[in-house]
């Protein structure tokens, strides 16, 4: 049944947009020290693209992770399905990783590409 729903969601016609694409999708958890243990401060999705002229990864877009949705393997890449406001958003990524950091990599990357210059995924 899931395969049927996924196939319908991935079909592209006038009613259904194609999944947005990024090179790398990251589920990032920013941690902070509280009392005697690490505590999650922020859980976010970060969509990255490789920028060959700069020779580095650049943030394409980001969103707060509000559900327990995780990407699933789809062909050679990963597909993330997010439901928000009664709409379905599909993000296809070549790679996927989960990270835990003490800083926000999306904020750090604003020095490379300002938010106003990013190509948003519209999720």
Protein backbone atom coordinates (compact mmCIF):
# COMPACT_ATOMS: atom_id res chain seq x y z
CA UNK A 1 0.00 0.00 0.00
CA UNK A 2 2.86 2.40 0.87
CA UNK A 3 4.42 1.81 -2.56
CA UNK A 4 1.13 2.75 -4.23
CA UNK A 5 0.85 5.98 -2.22
CA UNK A 6 4.50 6.81 -2.89
CA UNK A 7 4.11 6.20 -6.62
CA UNK A 8 1.07 8.46 -6.73
CA UNK A 9 2.90 11.15 -4.77
CA UNK A 10 5.90 11.01 -7.08
CA UNK A 11 3.86 11.14 -10.28
CA UNK A 12 4.18 14.52 -11.90
CA UNK A 13 1.27 16.19 -13.60
CA UNK A 14 -0.48 19.53 -13.32
CA UNK A 15 -1.79 18.72 -9.82
CA UNK A 16 1.33 17.31 -8.20
CA UNK A 17 4.68 19.07 -8.26
CA UNK A 18 7.84 17.02 -8.62
CA UNK A 19 9.81 16.51 -5.41
CA UNK A 20 12.24 19.29 -4.58
CA UNK A 21 15.87 18.16 -4.88
CA UNK A 22 18.96 18.85 -2.83
CA UNK A 23 22.37 17.18 -2.81
CA UNK A 24 22.39 16.39 0.92
CA UNK A 25 19.63 16.33 3.51
CA UNK A 26 20.67 16.61 7.13
CA UNK A 27 18.67 16.11 10.30
CA UNK A 28 20.62 18.33 12.69
CA UNK A 29 20.18 18.43 16.44
CA UNK A 30 21.82 21.37 18.19
CA UNK A 31 22.68 20.47 21.79
CA UNK A 32 23.35 22.58 24.86
CA UNK A 33 24.70 21.67 28.30
CA UNK A 34 22.02 21.94 31.01
CA UNK A 35 23.00 21.07 34.56
CA UNK A 36 24.61 17.67 34.27
CA UNK A 37 23.61 16.50 30.77
CA UNK A 38 23.25 17.54 27.13
CA UNK A 39 19.82 18.79 26.18
CA UNK A 40 18.43 19.23 22.64
CA UNK A 41 17.94 22.92 21.87
CA UNK A 42 16.93 22.68 18.21
CA UNK A 43 15.96 19.92 15.78
CA UNK A 44 16.06 21.02 12.14
CA UNK A 45 16.20 19.80 8.57
CA UNK A 46 18.98 21.36 6.52
CA UNK A 47 19.04 20.97 2.73
CA UNK A 48 22.56 21.34 1.32
CA UNK A 49 23.90 21.68 -2.21
CA UNK A 50 27.51 21.26 -3.30
CA UNK A 51 28.92 24.47 -4.74
CA UNK A 52 31.78 23.49 -7.04
CA UNK A 53 33.11 27.04 -7.67
CA UNK A 54 33.42 27.64 -3.91
CA UNK A 55 34.47 24.06 -3.20
CA UNK A 56 32.12 23.71 -0.24
CA UNK A 57 28.63 22.77 0.88
CA UNK A 58 26.09 25.59 0.99
CA UNK A 59 22.75 25.66 2.74
CA UNK A 60 19.91 25.75 0.29
CA UNK A 61 17.11 25.85 2.85
CA UNK A 62 16.20 24.72 6.34
CA UNK A 63 13.09 24.00 8.40
CA UNK A 64 12.29 23.15 11.99
CA UNK A 65 11.63 19.42 12.36
CA UNK A 66 8.12 19.22 13.83
CA UNK A 67 7.40 15.51 13.41
CA UNK A 68 9.16 12.19 13.65
CA UNK A 69 9.21 11.88 9.82
CA UNK A 70 12.49 10.52 8.49
CA UNK A 71 13.69 9.98 4.92
CA UNK A 72 13.33 6.58 3.32
CA UNK A 73 15.51 5.01 0.68
CA UNK A 74 14.11 5.65 -2.80
CA UNK A 75 16.22 4.39 -5.69
CA UNK A 76 19.78 5.67 -5.29
CA UNK A 77 18.75 8.51 -2.96
CA UNK A 78 16.45 9.45 -0.10
CA UNK A 79 12.88 10.75 -0.03
CA UNK A 80 11.47 12.82 2.82
CA UNK A 81 7.71 13.29 3.02
CA UNK A 82 6.50 16.11 5.26
CA UNK A 83 2.86 16.97 5.94
CA UNK A 84 2.22 20.60 6.88
CA UNK A 85 -0.98 22.60 6.79
CA UNK A 86 -2.86 19.85 4.98
CA UNK A 87 -0.24 19.72 2.21
CA UNK A 88 2.38 17.13 1.30
CA UNK A 89 5.95 18.25 0.65
CA UNK A 90 8.45 15.88 -0.96
CA UNK A 91 12.20 16.40 -0.76
CA UNK A 92 14.51 14.09 -2.71
CA UNK A 93 18.15 14.00 -1.69
CA UNK A 94 21.22 12.19 -2.99
CA UNK A 95 22.48 11.60 0.58
CA UNK A 96 21.10 11.79 4.10
CA UNK A 97 22.77 12.18 7.49
CA UNK A 98 21.83 12.82 11.10
CA UNK A 99 24.16 15.07 13.11
CA UNK A 100 24.51 16.42 16.63
CA UNK A 101 26.32 19.73 17.03
CA UNK A 102 26.98 22.38 19.66
CA UNK A 103 26.39 25.18 17.13
CA UNK A 104 23.92 25.79 14.33
CA UNK A 105 25.58 24.94 10.97
CA UNK A 106 22.84 26.77 9.06
CA UNK A 107 23.68 30.02 10.87
CA UNK A 108 27.42 29.46 10.31
CA UNK A 109 26.80 28.97 6.57
CA UNK A 110 25.21 32.43 6.28
CA UNK A 111 28.78 33.76 6.05
CA UNK A 112 29.18 31.79 2.80
CA UNK A 113 25.75 32.46 1.25
CA UNK A 114 23.37 34.99 2.84
CA UNK A 115 19.80 33.80 3.40
CA UNK A 116 18.52 36.22 0.76
CA UNK A 117 20.66 34.51 -1.92
CA UNK A 118 19.53 30.91 -1.20
CA UNK A 119 17.38 28.89 -3.59
CA UNK A 120 14.54 27.92 -1.26
CA UNK A 121 12.89 24.48 -1.34
CA UNK A 122 9.48 25.90 -0.35
CA UNK A 123 8.61 23.35 2.31
